[in-house]
Each structure stands twice: as structure tokens, then as C-alpha cells.
PDB file of all heavy atoms in Angstrom:
ATOM      1  N   ALA A   1     -14.383  30.862 259.859  1.00  0.00           N
ATOM      2  CA  ALA A   1     -13.263  31.663 259.359  1.00  0.00           C
ATOM      3  C   ALA A   1     -12.807  31.140 258.001  1.00  0.00           C
ATOM      4  O   ALA A   1     -12.540  31.919 257.072  1.00  0.00           O
ATOM      5  CB  ALA A   1     -12.113  31.633 260.357  1.00  0.00           C
ATOM      6  N   ALA A   2     -12.710  29.818 257.880  1.00  0.00           N
ATOM      7  CA  ALA A   2     -12.340  29.221 256.594  1.00  0.00           C
ATOM      8  C   ALA A   2     -13.353  29.591 255.517  1.00  0.00           C
ATOM      9  O   ALA A   2     -12.989  29.862 254.362  1.00  0.00           O
ATOM     10  CB  ALA A   2     -12.232  27.701 256.733  1.00  0.00           C
ATOM     11  N   LEU A   3     -14.621  29.620 255.894  1.00  0.00           N
ATOM     12  CA  LEU A   3     -15.674  30.012 254.953  1.00  0.00           C
ATOM     13  C   LEU A   3     -15.464  31.451 254.486  1.00  0.00           C
ATOM     14  O   LEU A   3     -15.639  31.758 253.303  1.00  0.00           O
ATOM     15  CB  LEU A   3     -17.037  29.856 255.620  1.00  0.00           C
ATOM     16  CG  LEU A   3     -18.257  30.313 254.815  1.00  0.00           C
ATOM     17  CD1 LEU A   3     -18.394  29.507 253.528  1.00  0.00           C
ATOM     18  CD2 LEU A   3     -19.528  30.179 255.675  1.00  0.00           C
ATOM     19  N   GLY A   4     -15.091  32.335 255.409  1.00  0.00           N
ATOM     20  CA  GLY A   4     -14.805  33.715 255.022  1.00  0.00           C
ATOM     21  C   GLY A   4     -13.660  33.809 254.035  1.00  0.00           C
ATOM     22  O   GLY A   4     -13.717  34.560 253.049  1.00  0.00           O
ATOM     23  N   PHE A   5     -12.595  33.035 254.272  1.00  0.00           N
ATOM     24  CA  PHE A   5     -11.473  33.003 253.332  1.00  0.00           C
ATOM     25  C   PHE A   5     -11.938  32.514 251.956  1.00  0.00           C
ATOM     26  O   PHE A   5     -11.547  33.059 250.918  1.00  0.00           O
ATOM     27  CB  PHE A   5     -10.374  32.066 253.842  1.00  0.00           C
ATOM     28  CG  PHE A   5      -9.618  32.576 255.034  1.00  0.00           C
ATOM     29  CD1 PHE A   5      -9.058  31.686 255.935  1.00  0.00           C
ATOM     30  CD2 PHE A   5      -9.441  33.930 255.255  1.00  0.00           C
ATOM     31  CE1 PHE A   5      -8.336  32.135 257.036  1.00  0.00           C
ATOM     32  CE2 PHE A   5      -8.724  34.393 256.351  1.00  0.00           C
ATOM     33  CZ  PHE A   5      -8.171  33.491 257.247  1.00  0.00           C
ATOM     34  N   ALA A   6     -12.758  31.454 251.953  1.00  0.00           N
ATOM     35  CA  ALA A   6     -13.214  30.876 250.686  1.00  0.00           C
ATOM     36  C   ALA A   6     -14.105  31.857 249.930  1.00  0.00           C
ATOM     37  O   ALA A   6     -14.000  31.986 248.697  1.00  0.00           O
ATOM     38  CB  ALA A   6     -13.963  29.573 250.951  1.00  0.00           C
ATOM     39  N   ARG A   7     -14.991  32.534 250.648  1.00  0.00           N
ATOM     40  CA  ARG A   7     -15.852  33.524 249.983  1.00  0.00           C
ATOM     41  C   ARG A   7     -15.002  34.629 249.342  1.00  0.00           C
ATOM     42  O   ARG A   7     -15.290  35.072 248.229  1.00  0.00           O
ATOM     43  CB  ARG A   7     -16.817  34.137 250.991  1.00  0.00           C
ATOM     44  CG  ARG A   7     -17.969  33.237 251.424  1.00  0.00           C
ATOM     45  CD  ARG A   7     -19.068  34.072 252.068  1.00  0.00           C
ATOM     46  NE  ARG A   7     -20.061  33.277 252.743  1.00  0.00           N
ATOM     47  CZ  ARG A   7     -21.064  32.621 252.146  1.00  0.00           C
ATOM     48  NH1 ARG A   7     -21.162  32.657 250.829  1.00  0.00           N
ATOM     49  NH2 ARG A   7     -21.942  31.943 252.864  1.00  0.00           N
ATOM     50  N   ARG A   8     -13.977  35.077 250.047  1.00  0.00           N
ATOM     51  CA  ARG A   8     -13.126  36.127 249.480  1.00  0.00           C
ATOM     52  C   ARG A   8     -12.385  35.623 248.252  1.00  0.00           C
ATOM     53  O   ARG A   8     -12.233  36.341 247.242  1.00  0.00           O
ATOM     54  CB  ARG A   8     -12.136  36.627 250.542  1.00  0.00           C
ATOM     55  CG  ARG A   8     -11.234  37.756 250.058  1.00  0.00           C
ATOM     56  CD  ARG A   8     -12.046  38.992 249.648  1.00  0.00           C
ATOM     57  NE  ARG A   8     -11.195  40.048 249.118  1.00  0.00           N
ATOM     58  CZ  ARG A   8     -10.683  41.036 249.852  1.00  0.00           C
ATOM     59  NH1 ARG A   8     -10.951  41.095 251.156  1.00  0.00           N
ATOM     60  NH2 ARG A   8      -9.948  41.974 249.294  1.00  0.00           N
ATOM     61  N   ALA A   9     -11.917  34.369 248.301  1.00  0.00           N
ATOM     62  CA  ALA A   9     -11.219  33.796 247.152  1.00  0.00           C
ATOM     63  C   ALA A   9     -12.128  33.735 245.930  1.00  0.00           C
ATOM     64  O   ALA A   9     -11.705  34.042 244.802  1.00  0.00           O
ATOM     65  CB  ALA A   9     -10.695  32.405 247.500  1.00  0.00           C
ATOM     66  N   LEU A  10     -13.386  33.347 246.139  1.00  0.00           N
ATOM     67  CA  LEU A  10     -14.328  33.292 245.021  1.00  0.00           C
ATOM     68  C   LEU A  10     -14.592  34.690 244.467  1.00  0.00           C
ATOM     69  O   LEU A  10     -14.637  34.892 243.248  1.00  0.00           O
ATOM     70  CB  LEU A  10     -15.636  32.635 245.469  1.00  0.00           C
ATOM     71  CG  LEU A  10     -16.754  32.605 244.414  1.00  0.00           C
ATOM     72  CD1 LEU A  10     -16.310  31.865 243.154  1.00  0.00           C
ATOM     73  CD2 LEU A  10     -18.019  31.976 244.994  1.00  0.00           C
ATOM     74  N   ALA A  11     -14.766  35.667 245.368  1.00  0.00           N
ATOM     75  CA  ALA A  11     -14.999  37.036 244.919  1.00  0.00           C
ATOM     76  C   ALA A  11     -13.819  37.562 244.105  1.00  0.00           C
ATOM     77  O   ALA A  11     -13.997  38.221 243.077  1.00  0.00           O
ATOM     78  CB  ALA A  11     -15.264  37.940 246.124  1.00  0.00           C
ATOM     79  N   GLU A  12     -12.603  37.272 244.570  1.00  0.00           N
ATOM     80  CA  GLU A  12     -11.414  37.699 243.840  1.00  0.00           C
ATOM     81  C   GLU A  12     -11.347  37.013 242.475  1.00  0.00           C
ATOM     82  O   GLU A  12     -10.977  37.634 241.467  1.00  0.00           O
ATOM     83  CB  GLU A  12     -10.158  37.370 244.653  1.00  0.00           C
ATOM     84  CG  GLU A  12     -10.011  38.135 245.952  1.00  0.00           C
ATOM     85  CD  GLU A  12      -9.605  39.581 245.746  1.00  0.00           C
ATOM     86  OE1 GLU A  12      -9.086  39.911 244.656  1.00  0.00           O
ATOM     87  OE2 GLU A  12      -9.807  40.386 246.671  1.00  0.00           O
ATOM     88  N   ALA A  13     -11.690  35.725 242.442  1.00  0.00           N
ATOM     89  CA  ALA A  13     -11.651  34.983 241.182  1.00  0.00           C
ATOM     90  C   ALA A  13     -12.687  35.512 240.194  1.00  0.00           C
ATOM     91  O   ALA A  13     -12.409  35.650 238.991  1.00  0.00           O
ATOM     92  CB  ALA A  13     -11.881  33.494 241.442  1.00  0.00           C
ATOM     93  N   LEU A  14     -13.881  35.805 240.678  1.00  0.00           N
ATOM     94  CA  LEU A  14     -14.923  36.356 239.805  1.00  0.00           C
ATOM     95  C   LEU A  14     -14.499  37.702 239.233  1.00  0.00           C
ATOM     96  O   LEU A  14     -14.683  37.978 238.037  1.00  0.00           O
ATOM     97  CB  LEU A  14     -16.230  36.505 240.582  1.00  0.00           C
ATOM     98  CG  LEU A  14     -16.988  35.217 240.906  1.00  0.00           C
ATOM     99  CD1 LEU A  14     -18.077  35.482 241.946  1.00  0.00           C
ATOM    100  CD2 LEU A  14     -17.603  34.624 239.636  1.00  0.00           C
ATOM    101  N   SER A  15     -13.926  38.547 240.078  1.00  0.00           N
ATOM    102  CA  SER A  15     -13.490  39.866 239.631  1.00  0.00           C
ATOM    103  C   SER A  15     -12.364  39.761 238.603  1.00  0.00           C
ATOM    104  O   SER A  15     -12.392  40.394 237.548  1.00  0.00           O
ATOM    105  CB  SER A  15     -13.042  40.693 240.833  1.00  0.00           C
ATOM    106  OG  SER A  15     -12.540  41.943 240.424  1.00  0.00           O
ATOM    107  N   PHE A  16     -11.373  38.933 238.934  1.00  0.00           N
ATOM    108  CA  PHE A  16     -10.205  38.812 238.058  1.00  0.00           C
ATOM    109  C   PHE A  16     -10.583  38.217 236.704  1.00  0.00           C
ATOM    110  O   PHE A  16     -10.206  38.742 235.647  1.00  0.00           O
ATOM    111  CB  PHE A  16      -9.141  37.959 238.732  1.00  0.00           C
ATOM    112  CG  PHE A  16      -7.886  37.800 237.923  1.00  0.00           C
ATOM    113  CD1 PHE A  16      -6.848  38.709 238.038  1.00  0.00           C
ATOM    114  CD2 PHE A  16      -7.740  36.740 237.037  1.00  0.00           C
ATOM    115  CE1 PHE A  16      -5.687  38.577 237.283  1.00  0.00           C
ATOM    116  CE2 PHE A  16      -6.577  36.596 236.284  1.00  0.00           C
ATOM    117  CZ  PHE A  16      -5.552  37.518 236.402  1.00  0.00           C
ATOM    118  N   THR A  17     -11.315  37.114 236.712  1.00  0.00           N
ATOM    119  CA  THR A  17     -11.630  36.434 235.447  1.00  0.00           C
ATOM    120  C   THR A  17     -12.581  37.250 234.577  1.00  0.00           C
ATOM    121  O   THR A  17     -12.571  37.116 233.352  1.00  0.00           O
ATOM    122  CB  THR A  17     -12.234  35.038 235.705  1.00  0.00           C
ATOM    123  OG1 THR A  17     -13.428  35.162 236.515  1.00  0.00           O
ATOM    124  CG2 THR A  17     -11.234  34.136 236.414  1.00  0.00           C
ATOM    125  N   SER A  18     -13.402  38.101 235.199  1.00  0.00           N
ATOM    126  CA  SER A  18     -14.314  38.948 234.422  1.00  0.00           C
ATOM    127  C   SER A  18     -13.553  40.042 233.676  1.00  0.00           C
ATOM    128  O   SER A  18     -14.005  40.508 232.622  1.00  0.00           O
ATOM    129  CB  SER A  18     -15.361  39.576 235.336  1.00  0.00           C
ATOM    130  OG  SER A  18     -16.204  38.581 235.889  1.00  0.00           O
ATOM    131  N   GLN A  19     -12.401  40.459 234.218  1.00  0.00           N
ATOM    132  CA  GLN A  19     -11.627  41.531 233.593  1.00  0.00           C
ATOM    133  C   GLN A  19     -10.485  41.024 232.711  1.00  0.00           C
ATOM    134  O   GLN A  19     -10.073  41.712 231.784  1.00  0.00           O
ATOM    135  CB  GLN A  19     -11.038  42.422 234.678  1.00  0.00           C
ATOM    136  CG  GLN A  19     -12.093  43.172 235.479  1.00  0.00           C
ATOM    137  CD  GLN A  19     -11.422  44.051 236.502  1.00  0.00           C
ATOM    138  OE1 GLN A  19     -10.898  45.116 236.190  1.00  0.00           O
ATOM    139  NE2 GLN A  19     -11.421  43.594 237.733  1.00  0.00           N
ATOM    140  N   ARG A  20      -9.996  39.847 233.028  1.00  0.00           N
ATOM    141  CA  ARG A  20      -8.843  39.309 232.300  1.00  0.00           C
ATOM    142  C   ARG A  20      -9.264  38.903 230.888  1.00  0.00           C
ATOM    143  O   ARG A  20     -10.209  38.101 230.725  1.00  0.00           O
ATOM    144  CB  ARG A  20      -8.291  38.101 233.047  1.00  0.00           C
ATOM    145  CG  ARG A  20      -7.063  37.478 232.424  1.00  0.00           C
ATOM    146  CD  ARG A  20      -5.870  38.387 232.521  1.00  0.00           C
ATOM    147  NE  ARG A  20      -4.624  37.673 232.255  1.00  0.00           N
ATOM    148  CZ  ARG A  20      -3.451  38.277 232.127  1.00  0.00           C
ATOM    149  NH1 ARG A  20      -3.362  39.584 232.264  1.00  0.00           N
ATOM    150  NH2 ARG A  20      -2.370  37.553 231.886  1.00  0.00           N
ATOM    151  N   ARG A  21      -8.600  39.442 229.900  1.00  0.00           N
ATOM    152  CA  ARG A  21      -8.961  39.154 228.519  1.00  0.00           C
ATOM    153  C   ARG A  21      -8.342  37.840 228.062  1.00  0.00           C
ATOM    154  O   ARG A  21      -7.176  37.541 228.326  1.00  0.00           O
ATOM    155  CB  ARG A  21      -8.483  40.269 227.594  1.00  0.00           C
ATOM    156  CG  ARG A  21      -9.026  41.653 227.924  1.00  0.00           C
ATOM    157  CD  ARG A  21     -10.535  41.661 228.045  1.00  0.00           C
ATOM    158  NE  ARG A  21     -11.193  41.292 226.797  1.00  0.00           N
ATOM    159  CZ  ARG A  21     -12.512  41.085 226.682  1.00  0.00           C
ATOM    160  NH1 ARG A  21     -13.290  41.182 227.747  1.00  0.00           N
ATOM    161  NH2 ARG A  21     -13.035  40.768 225.519  1.00  0.00           N
ATOM    162  N   LEU A  22      -9.145  37.016 227.446  1.00  0.00           N
ATOM    163  CA  LEU A  22      -8.708  35.767 226.820  1.00  0.00           C
ATOM    164  C   LEU A  22      -9.389  35.751 225.458  1.00  0.00           C
ATOM    165  O   LEU A  22     -10.551  35.349 225.338  1.00  0.00           O
ATOM    166  CB  LEU A  22      -9.111  34.559 227.670  1.00  0.00           C
ATOM    167  CG  LEU A  22      -8.621  33.197 227.200  1.00  0.00           C
ATOM    168  CD1 LEU A  22      -7.102  33.109 227.324  1.00  0.00           C
ATOM    169  CD2 LEU A  22      -9.269  32.076 228.008  1.00  0.00           C
ATOM    170  N   ALA A  23      -8.685  36.237 224.450  1.00  0.00           N
ATOM    171  CA  ALA A  23      -9.297  36.523 223.150  1.00  0.00           C
ATOM    172  C   ALA A  23     -10.168  35.357 222.666  1.00  0.00           C
ATOM    173  O   ALA A  23      -9.782  34.195 222.805  1.00  0.00           O
ATOM    174  CB  ALA A  23      -8.196  36.815 222.115  1.00  0.00           C
ATOM    175  N   PRO A  24     -11.369  35.691 222.167  1.00  0.00           N
ATOM    176  CA  PRO A  24     -11.893  37.032 221.896  1.00  0.00           C
ATOM    177  C   PRO A  24     -12.760  37.585 223.044  1.00  0.00           C
ATOM    178  O   PRO A  24     -13.388  38.631 222.886  1.00  0.00           O
ATOM    179  CB  PRO A  24     -12.757  36.799 220.665  1.00  0.00           C
ATOM    180  CG  PRO A  24     -13.317  35.423 220.882  1.00  0.00           C
ATOM    181  CD  PRO A  24     -12.234  34.641 221.595  1.00  0.00           C
ATOM    182  N   ALA A  25     -12.834  36.886 224.185  1.00  0.00           N
ATOM    183  CA  ALA A  25     -13.702  37.334 225.271  1.00  0.00           C
ATOM    184  C   ALA A  25     -12.894  37.416 226.559  1.00  0.00           C
ATOM    185  O   ALA A  25     -11.676  37.535 226.554  1.00  0.00           O
ATOM    186  CB  ALA A  25     -14.887  36.369 225.418  1.00  0.00           C
TER     187      ALA A  25
END
């Protein structure tokens, strides 16, 4: 169950950081 939580956290982090702008990328 903890592994499932961790996988979701990583997926959320990958999604968020890929879209969040930090100039210039």
C-alpha cells in the first residue's frame, strides 16, 4: 500500500514539474 502511495506521488510530481514553468524552461 505504501508503494502505491509512493508511485502516485512520483506520478504527480512528474506531471506537475513537467508543466510548471521555471523560466526559461
